Amino acid sequence: MNKQPSSINISLGEQTPTPTPNGAINPLVWNVTMAEELQAHVDKCDMSFSPKSKLGVVGEYRIQMAPNLNITTMLNQVGETSVYYNWSTKTCAKGQISVHNFGIWNLTTSFACVHKLCGNTHYITCNYFPRGGFPGLFPYNPEGVPLPTTTPTPTNTPTPTTTPAPTTPPKPTSAPVVDPSGQSTDWRNMSTRIKNQRNCGSCYIFSALSNLEIYYKIKTGNDIDLSEQNVLNCYNNGCNGGWPMSALQLMQPVGIAYENDIPYTAVQQANCTNTTEPRFRWTGQYDTTSASKEHFIEALKSGPLIVPLFADAGFQSYRSGIYSCRQQRASVNHGVVLVGYNKPQDYWIIRNSYGSTWGQEGHIYLNATNDNCYMLYFAATYVKI
């Protein structure tokens, strides 16, 4: 046998293979946005897994090859790892990984792969969306980074009422309340009704849909009431937490039903129904380029932002005043909507999903002189209507 012209090292963003698919695997579509984001990350040559992989938004694997890049050899190496996975016991052979069975899940619909030469090593990195789930562990956390939102149980507040879908013609766009210096912003004048997620870890859905509802009102002047239950029924992890961007990406191709059509029950139901009409549709969802205080203040001028943070016991029982987490946190467990910033007193205005009787009519003023609640670690998410 001829000696291979190069060595290859395979490393994974996740190390547990998928279960056997139930039926045919979906055809994959190239995701241009995901490719651009992934290429920007890989270009750093820091050998780290991408942010969306760490957050559990995408499945990811990387293949390293040096000193020469030989795609045929690389794909053969990937295919040969399939023998390491035992479909009966659903385990890999000890000390082995199965890249062949890793990347594509039954629910995966889109992908992106990029290449970067760092030194004398070629890196091929692929992302798959949506990622698969792992029983009892979501999202998978390959490098010990803070996990995204698995929402704490909120204060028990009244169940909100249902608002019908809009039927009136659009109105002119309204601007936020901004101080003369341009440093303070408050979008509460564009707020839609405050909702209550109740005893379900669905904060990621409520924050995502609140952002959609507010941006629609900013654009048209009209209120809408979207169905969190529709997303809850269709999202793989249901009441066990998730990531807002992932929920938005999952639903954008089919749109979201209105609350009147699929009312919220705070329990995931088996029927994922995406045929109900009418459905609300939007242009896309995006992440801010950074997560600094200054960048958030500037981004707020264009509209509210979806942000993850750590909601400790004091946060959950908040009533009034400017709150600060009691100790410096290094992880997040809750998704909320950042709707404003007060420059004179240096606090964030945050819309929550614990009902309108919680805090300041459903909002909390969060101290911005520190980041004890860990709000400035991850980029914020926003939508375009």
Protein backbone atom coordinates (compact mmCIF):
# COMPACT_ATOMS: atom_id res chain seq x y z
CA MET A 1 0.00 0.00 0.00
CA ASN A 2 1.29 3.44 -0.89
CA LYS A 3 1.91 5.83 1.95
CA GLN A 4 -0.75 8.55 2.19
CA PRO A 5 0.56 11.93 1.02
CA SER A 6 -0.72 13.74 4.09
CA SER A 7 -1.85 13.21 7.66
CA ILE A 8 -5.37 13.92 8.82
CA ASN A 9 -6.81 14.75 12.21
CA ILE A 10 -10.54 14.82 12.83
CA SER A 11 -12.12 16.82 15.69
CA LEU A 12 -15.78 17.28 16.49
CA GLY A 13 -17.92 20.05 17.97
CA GLU A 14 -20.11 17.28 19.43
CA GLN A 15 -19.12 13.72 20.22
CA THR A 16 -22.38 11.75 20.33
CA PRO A 17 -23.82 10.34 17.07
CA THR A 18 -27.45 10.76 16.13
CA PRO A 19 -30.08 8.01 16.59
CA THR A 20 -31.36 6.24 13.49
CA PRO A 21 -33.46 8.69 11.41
CA ASN A 22 -37.21 8.12 11.37
CA GLY A 23 -37.76 8.14 7.64
CA ALA A 24 -35.95 9.84 4.79
CA ILE A 25 -33.36 12.51 5.57
CA ASN A 26 -34.31 15.96 4.31
CA PRO A 27 -32.45 17.27 1.26
CA LEU A 28 -29.90 19.88 2.35
CA VAL A 29 -29.81 23.46 1.08
CA TRP A 30 -26.67 25.60 1.07
CA ASN A 31 -27.00 28.39 3.68
CA VAL A 32 -25.20 31.50 2.40
CA THR A 33 -25.54 33.48 5.63
CA MET A 34 -24.25 30.60 7.72
CA ALA A 35 -21.30 30.18 5.34
CA GLU A 36 -20.35 33.85 5.64
CA GLU A 37 -20.53 33.75 9.45
CA LEU A 38 -18.56 30.51 9.61
CA GLN A 39 -15.88 31.76 7.23
CA ALA A 40 -15.41 34.92 9.32
CA HIS A 41 -14.87 32.74 12.39
CA VAL A 42 -12.53 30.22 10.74
CA ASP A 43 -10.46 33.05 9.26
CA LYS A 44 -9.27 33.86 12.81
CA CYS A 45 -7.22 30.61 12.79
CA ASP A 46 -7.73 30.22 16.55
CA MET A 47 -8.87 26.58 16.13
CA SER A 48 -11.98 27.12 18.25
CA PHE A 49 -15.48 25.87 17.53
CA SER A 50 -17.79 28.54 16.14
CA PRO A 51 -20.07 30.56 18.46
CA LYS A 52 -23.24 28.98 17.06
CA SER A 53 -21.80 25.51 17.67
CA LYS A 54 -21.00 26.41 21.27
CA LEU A 55 -24.53 27.74 21.71
CA GLY A 56 -26.09 24.56 20.34
CA VAL A 57 -27.63 26.36 17.36
CA VAL A 58 -25.81 24.23 14.77
CA GLY A 59 -24.05 20.90 14.61
CA GLU A 60 -20.40 21.30 13.65
CA TYR A 61 -17.41 19.20 12.70
CA ARG A 62 -13.93 20.15 11.62
CA ILE A 63 -11.39 18.22 9.60
CA GLN A 64 -7.71 19.15 9.64
CA MET A 65 -5.30 18.04 6.95
CA ALA A 66 -1.57 18.78 6.54
CA PRO A 67 0.51 19.60 4.70
CA ASN A 68 -1.51 19.08 1.48
CA LEU A 69 -5.26 19.22 0.94
CA ASN A 70 -6.69 16.10 -0.71
CA ILE A 71 -10.49 16.16 -0.70
CA THR A 72 -10.86 12.56 -1.91
CA THR A 73 -8.66 11.25 0.89
CA MET A 74 -10.49 13.43 3.38
CA LEU A 75 -13.94 12.16 2.37
CA ASN A 76 -12.71 8.58 2.42
CA GLN A 77 -11.42 9.09 5.94
CA VAL A 78 -14.83 10.45 6.99
CA GLY A 79 -16.65 7.53 5.41
CA GLU A 80 -14.40 4.98 7.07
CA THR A 81 -15.39 6.23 10.53
CA SER A 82 -18.93 4.88 10.04
CA VAL A 83 -17.79 1.43 11.21
CA TYR A 84 -17.09 2.78 14.69
CA TYR A 85 -20.77 3.40 15.46
CA ASN A 86 -23.01 0.62 16.78
CA TRP A 87 -26.63 1.34 15.82
CA SER A 88 -27.95 -1.33 18.22
CA THR A 89 -26.28 0.05 21.34
CA LYS A 90 -26.15 3.63 19.96
CA THR A 91 -22.54 3.99 21.05
CA CYS A 92 -19.16 4.46 19.41
CA ALA A 93 -16.30 2.04 19.79
CA LYS A 94 -14.12 2.99 22.75
CA GLY A 95 -11.68 5.74 21.89
CA GLN A 96 -13.22 6.31 18.44
CA ILE A 97 -15.55 8.86 16.85
CA SER A 98 -17.89 8.48 13.91
CA VAL A 99 -17.75 11.61 11.78
CA HIS A 100 -19.72 9.85 9.05
CA ASN A 101 -22.78 9.55 11.30
CA PHE A 102 -22.35 12.90 12.98
CA GLY A 103 -23.15 15.79 10.70
CA ILE A 104 -26.62 15.25 9.25
CA TRP A 105 -29.70 14.68 11.40
CA ASN A 106 -33.18 13.78 10.32
CA LEU A 107 -34.35 17.33 11.02
CA THR A 108 -31.38 19.07 9.35
CA THR A 109 -32.38 21.27 6.39
CA SER A 110 -29.38 23.48 5.58
CA PHE A 111 -25.58 23.43 5.77
CA ALA A 112 -22.42 25.37 5.03
CA CYS A 113 -18.75 24.33 4.75
CA VAL A 114 -15.71 26.59 4.60
CA HIS A 115 -11.95 26.21 4.17
CA LYS A 116 -9.00 28.03 5.71
CA LEU A 117 -5.25 27.41 5.50
CA CYS A 118 -3.64 28.26 8.84
CA GLY A 119 0.12 27.82 8.76
CA ASN A 120 0.62 24.52 6.94
CA THR A 121 -2.69 22.99 8.05
CA HIS A 122 -5.91 23.01 6.04
CA TYR A 123 -9.15 23.31 8.02
CA ILE A 124 -12.52 22.27 6.59
CA THR A 125 -15.39 23.25 8.92
CA CYS A 126 -19.04 22.41 8.33
CA ASN A 127 -22.20 23.61 10.10
CA TYR A 128 -25.59 21.88 9.96
CA PHE A 129 -28.91 23.51 10.90
CA PRO A 130 -31.00 22.69 12.79
CA ARG A 131 -28.73 20.64 15.00
CA GLY A 132 -29.93 17.39 16.56
CA GLY A 133 -30.81 16.93 20.20
CA PHE A 134 -29.26 14.78 22.89
CA PRO A 135 -31.50 13.10 25.48
CA GLY A 136 -31.21 15.01 28.76
CA LEU A 137 -28.57 17.38 27.42
CA PHE A 138 -29.38 20.46 25.38
CA PRO A 139 -27.57 22.18 23.94
CA TYR A 140 -24.38 20.15 23.81
CA ASN A 141 -21.49 22.07 25.31
CA PRO A 142 -18.19 20.90 23.80
CA GLU A 143 -15.78 23.33 25.44
CA GLY A 144 -17.35 24.25 28.78
CA VAL A 145 -18.69 27.60 27.55
CA PRO A 146 -21.85 29.15 29.08
CA LEU A 147 -25.02 27.46 27.87
CA PRO A 148 -27.95 29.31 26.28
CA THR A 149 -31.37 29.78 27.75
CA THR A 150 -32.96 27.12 29.93
CA THR A 151 -35.41 29.42 31.61
CA PRO A 152 -35.84 29.54 35.40
CA THR A 153 -39.38 29.09 36.69
CA PRO A 154 -40.89 32.60 36.80
CA THR A 155 -43.14 34.12 39.40
CA ASN A 156 -46.64 32.75 38.90
CA THR A 157 -48.55 35.53 37.17
CA PRO A 158 -51.99 35.66 35.50
CA THR A 159 -52.39 34.13 32.06
CA PRO A 160 -52.51 36.90 29.47
CA THR A 161 -55.53 37.36 27.24
CA THR A 162 -55.57 36.74 23.50
CA THR A 163 -55.35 39.55 20.95
CA PRO A 164 -56.64 39.04 17.37
CA ALA A 165 -54.42 39.32 14.32
CA PRO A 166 -54.27 42.80 12.75
CA THR A 167 -56.94 43.79 10.24
CA THR A 168 -56.42 47.57 10.00
CA PRO A 169 -54.26 49.26 7.34
CA PRO A 170 -50.63 50.03 8.21
CA LYS A 171 -49.80 53.28 9.99
CA PRO A 172 -46.62 55.37 9.74
CA THR A 173 -43.50 54.21 11.57
CA SER A 174 -43.11 55.55 15.12
CA ALA A 175 -39.75 56.45 16.60
CA PRO A 176 -38.43 55.50 20.06
CA VAL A 177 -38.12 57.98 22.88
CA VAL A 178 -34.55 59.30 22.54
CA ASP A 179 -32.89 61.98 24.67
CA PRO A 180 -31.25 65.00 23.00
CA SER A 181 -27.76 63.57 23.50
CA GLY A 182 -28.72 60.48 21.55
CA GLN A 183 -27.45 58.20 24.31
CA SER A 184 -30.77 57.10 25.87
CA THR A 185 -33.34 55.05 23.99
CA ASP A 186 -36.71 53.63 25.07
CA TRP A 187 -38.88 51.51 22.75
CA ARG A 188 -41.66 50.87 25.28
CA ASN A 189 -43.91 53.26 23.36
CA MET A 190 -43.89 50.57 20.66
CA SER A 191 -44.50 47.72 23.10
CA THR A 192 -47.07 45.02 22.40
CA ARG A 193 -48.81 43.20 25.26
CA ILE A 194 -46.57 41.60 27.87
CA LYS A 195 -47.01 37.82 27.95
CA ASN A 196 -46.42 35.09 30.53
CA GLN A 197 -44.48 31.96 29.62
CA ARG A 198 -45.66 30.31 32.85
CA ASN A 199 -44.02 27.07 34.00
CA CYS A 200 -42.40 26.28 30.66
CA GLY A 201 -38.80 26.98 29.65
CA SER A 202 -39.94 28.83 26.53
CA CYS A 203 -38.28 32.20 27.14
CA TYR A 204 -36.33 31.77 23.91
CA ILE A 205 -39.62 31.69 21.99
CA PHE A 206 -41.22 34.59 23.85
CA SER A 207 -38.18 36.82 23.37
CA ALA A 208 -37.98 35.95 19.67
CA LEU A 209 -41.66 36.57 18.98
CA SER A 210 -41.74 39.74 21.09
CA ASN A 211 -38.97 41.09 18.88
CA LEU A 212 -41.02 40.26 15.78
CA GLU A 213 -44.16 41.86 17.21
CA ILE A 214 -42.39 45.07 18.21
CA TYR A 215 -40.55 45.43 14.90
CA TYR A 216 -43.85 44.99 13.09
CA LYS A 217 -45.40 47.73 15.20
CA ILE A 218 -42.40 49.99 14.59
CA LYS A 219 -42.88 49.50 10.85
CA THR A 220 -46.69 49.68 10.63
CA GLY A 221 -48.02 51.11 13.89
CA ASN A 222 -50.20 48.00 14.35
CA ASP A 223 -50.25 45.39 17.10
CA ILE A 224 -50.00 41.69 16.29
CA ASP A 225 -50.15 38.66 18.58
CA LEU A 226 -48.07 35.71 17.38
CA SER A 227 -48.44 32.11 18.54
CA GLU A 228 -45.66 30.98 20.87
CA GLN A 229 -47.43 27.62 20.99
CA ASN A 230 -46.89 27.12 17.26
CA VAL A 231 -43.13 27.43 17.75
CA LEU A 232 -43.19 25.40 20.97
CA ASN A 233 -44.87 22.49 19.20
CA CYS A 234 -42.33 22.53 16.37
CA TYR A 235 -39.08 23.13 18.28
CA ASN A 236 -37.15 19.99 19.13
CA ASN A 237 -36.56 20.80 22.81
CA GLY A 238 -39.91 22.37 23.66
CA CYS A 239 -40.16 23.58 27.27
CA ASN A 240 -36.59 22.56 28.04
CA GLY A 241 -35.00 25.75 26.73
CA GLY A 242 -33.39 26.81 23.48
CA TRP A 243 -31.87 29.65 21.54
CA PRO A 244 -33.96 32.49 19.99
CA MET A 245 -31.98 32.61 16.73
CA SER A 246 -32.50 28.88 16.29
CA ALA A 247 -36.26 29.22 16.79
CA LEU A 248 -36.45 32.08 14.28
CA GLN A 249 -34.41 30.19 11.68
CA LEU A 250 -36.57 27.10 12.15
CA MET A 251 -39.84 28.97 11.56
CA GLN A 252 -38.90 31.53 8.92
CA PRO A 253 -39.45 29.21 5.92
CA VAL A 254 -43.06 28.50 7.00
CA GLY A 255 -43.98 31.60 9.01
CA ILE A 256 -45.72 31.70 12.40
CA ALA A 257 -49.42 31.33 13.19
CA TYR A 258 -51.36 33.92 15.19
CA GLU A 259 -52.29 33.45 18.84
CA ASN A 260 -56.01 33.15 18.02
CA ASP A 261 -55.34 30.14 15.81
CA ILE A 262 -52.95 28.25 18.13
CA PRO A 263 -53.34 29.56 21.73
CA TYR A 264 -50.55 29.15 24.27
CA THR A 265 -50.89 26.27 26.77
CA ALA A 266 -47.36 26.23 28.29
CA VAL A 267 -47.12 22.52 27.35
CA GLN A 268 -45.50 21.17 24.20
CA GLN A 269 -48.03 19.36 22.04
CA ALA A 270 -47.30 16.61 19.54
CA ASN A 271 -48.90 18.35 16.55
CA CYS A 272 -46.47 20.70 14.78
CA THR A 273 -48.93 22.52 12.52
CA ASN A 274 -47.50 24.89 9.94
CA THR A 275 -50.41 24.95 7.50
CA THR A 276 -52.71 27.30 9.43
CA GLU A 277 -53.41 30.50 7.49
CA PRO A 278 -52.90 33.40 7.70
CA ARG A 279 -49.31 33.20 8.91
CA PHE A 280 -46.88 35.97 9.80
CA ARG A 281 -43.71 36.19 7.73
CA TRP A 282 -40.58 38.29 7.99
CA THR A 283 -37.42 39.02 6.02
CA GLY A 284 -34.74 37.52 8.24
CA GLN A 285 -32.95 37.39 11.58
CA TYR A 286 -29.46 38.64 12.32
CA ASP A 287 -26.87 38.88 15.07
CA THR A 288 -25.09 42.07 16.07
CA THR A 289 -21.42 42.10 15.20
CA SER A 290 -20.31 42.32 18.82
CA ALA A 291 -21.66 42.27 22.37
CA SER A 292 -20.08 45.35 23.92
CA LYS A 293 -22.04 47.89 25.94
CA GLU A 294 -21.33 50.62 23.41
CA HIS A 295 -22.42 48.42 20.51
CA PHE A 296 -25.70 47.51 22.21
CA ILE A 297 -26.44 51.19 22.93
CA GLU A 298 -25.86 52.06 19.28
CA ALA A 299 -27.82 49.06 17.94
CA LEU A 300 -30.79 49.96 20.16
CA LYS A 301 -31.35 53.11 18.12
CA SER A 302 -32.61 50.92 15.27
CA GLY A 303 -34.84 48.70 17.42
CA PRO A 304 -35.03 46.27 20.35
CA LEU A 305 -32.57 43.39 20.71
CA ILE A 306 -32.98 39.79 21.89
CA VAL A 307 -30.36 39.11 24.56
CA PRO A 308 -29.49 36.16 26.83
CA LEU A 309 -28.53 36.77 30.45
CA PHE A 310 -28.43 35.10 33.85
CA ALA A 311 -31.67 35.54 35.80
CA ASP A 312 -30.84 34.83 39.43
CA ALA A 313 -33.34 34.57 42.30
CA GLY A 314 -33.34 38.34 42.83
CA PHE A 315 -34.03 38.91 39.15
CA GLN A 316 -36.96 36.51 39.20
CA SER A 317 -38.54 38.22 42.22
CA TYR A 318 -37.82 41.79 41.01
CA ARG A 319 -40.39 44.47 41.77
CA SER A 320 -38.85 47.89 41.21
CA GLY A 321 -35.65 49.95 41.21
CA ILE A 322 -32.39 49.34 39.36
CA TYR A 323 -31.37 45.71 39.76
CA SER A 324 -27.90 44.15 39.71
CA CYS A 325 -27.20 40.43 39.93
CA ARG A 326 -25.73 39.76 43.37
CA GLN A 327 -22.56 38.17 42.03
CA GLN A 328 -20.67 38.07 38.76
CA ARG A 329 -22.14 35.31 36.59
CA ALA A 330 -20.35 33.39 33.85
CA SER A 331 -23.31 31.69 32.14
CA VAL A 332 -26.78 32.51 30.87
CA ASN A 333 -30.15 30.88 31.56
CA HIS A 334 -32.82 33.25 30.25
CA GLY A 335 -33.81 35.05 27.04
CA VAL A 336 -35.29 38.57 27.16
CA VAL A 337 -35.75 41.63 24.94
CA LEU A 338 -33.59 44.71 25.45
CA VAL A 339 -35.92 47.65 24.71
CA GLY A 340 -33.96 50.61 26.04
CA TYR A 341 -31.05 52.24 27.79
CA ASN A 342 -31.14 55.12 30.30
CA LYS A 343 -27.92 57.13 30.07
CA PRO A 344 -28.34 59.47 33.11
CA GLN A 345 -28.82 56.55 35.54
CA ASP A 346 -26.92 54.00 33.44
CA TYR A 347 -29.41 51.13 33.31
CA TRP A 348 -30.88 48.83 30.68
CA ILE A 349 -34.64 48.56 30.15
CA ILE A 350 -35.53 44.91 29.63
CA ARG A 351 -38.84 43.36 28.61
CA ASN A 352 -39.49 40.00 30.28
CA SER A 353 -42.01 37.18 29.74
CA TYR A 354 -43.29 36.74 33.31
CA GLY A 355 -46.54 38.67 32.76
CA SER A 356 -47.51 42.34 33.01
CA THR A 357 -47.78 42.32 36.84
CA TRP A 358 -44.12 41.33 37.24
CA GLY A 359 -41.57 44.08 37.87
CA GLN A 360 -42.22 47.45 36.22
CA GLU A 361 -45.27 46.45 34.18
CA GLY A 362 -43.40 43.45 32.81
CA HIS A 363 -39.99 45.16 32.60
CA ILE A 364 -36.84 45.27 34.72
CA TYR A 365 -34.28 48.06 35.00
CA LEU A 366 -30.89 46.33 34.95
CA ASN A 367 -27.74 48.03 36.19
CA ALA A 368 -25.46 48.81 33.24
CA THR A 369 -22.46 49.93 35.31
CA ASN A 370 -21.53 46.25 35.65
CA ASP A 371 -22.32 43.07 33.74
CA ASN A 372 -22.99 40.80 36.71
CA CYS A 373 -25.96 39.23 34.88
CA TYR A 374 -23.66 38.35 31.95
CA MET A 375 -25.70 40.14 29.29
CA LEU A 376 -22.70 41.36 27.30
CA TYR A 377 -21.10 38.02 26.46
CA PHE A 378 -23.15 36.93 23.44
CA ALA A 379 -24.12 38.96 20.39
CA ALA A 380 -27.73 40.15 20.37
CA THR A 381 -30.33 39.01 17.83
CA TYR A 382 -32.80 41.17 15.93
CA VAL A 383 -35.26 40.70 13.07
CA LYS A 384 -36.15 42.52 9.88
CA ILE A 385 -39.77 42.78 8.76
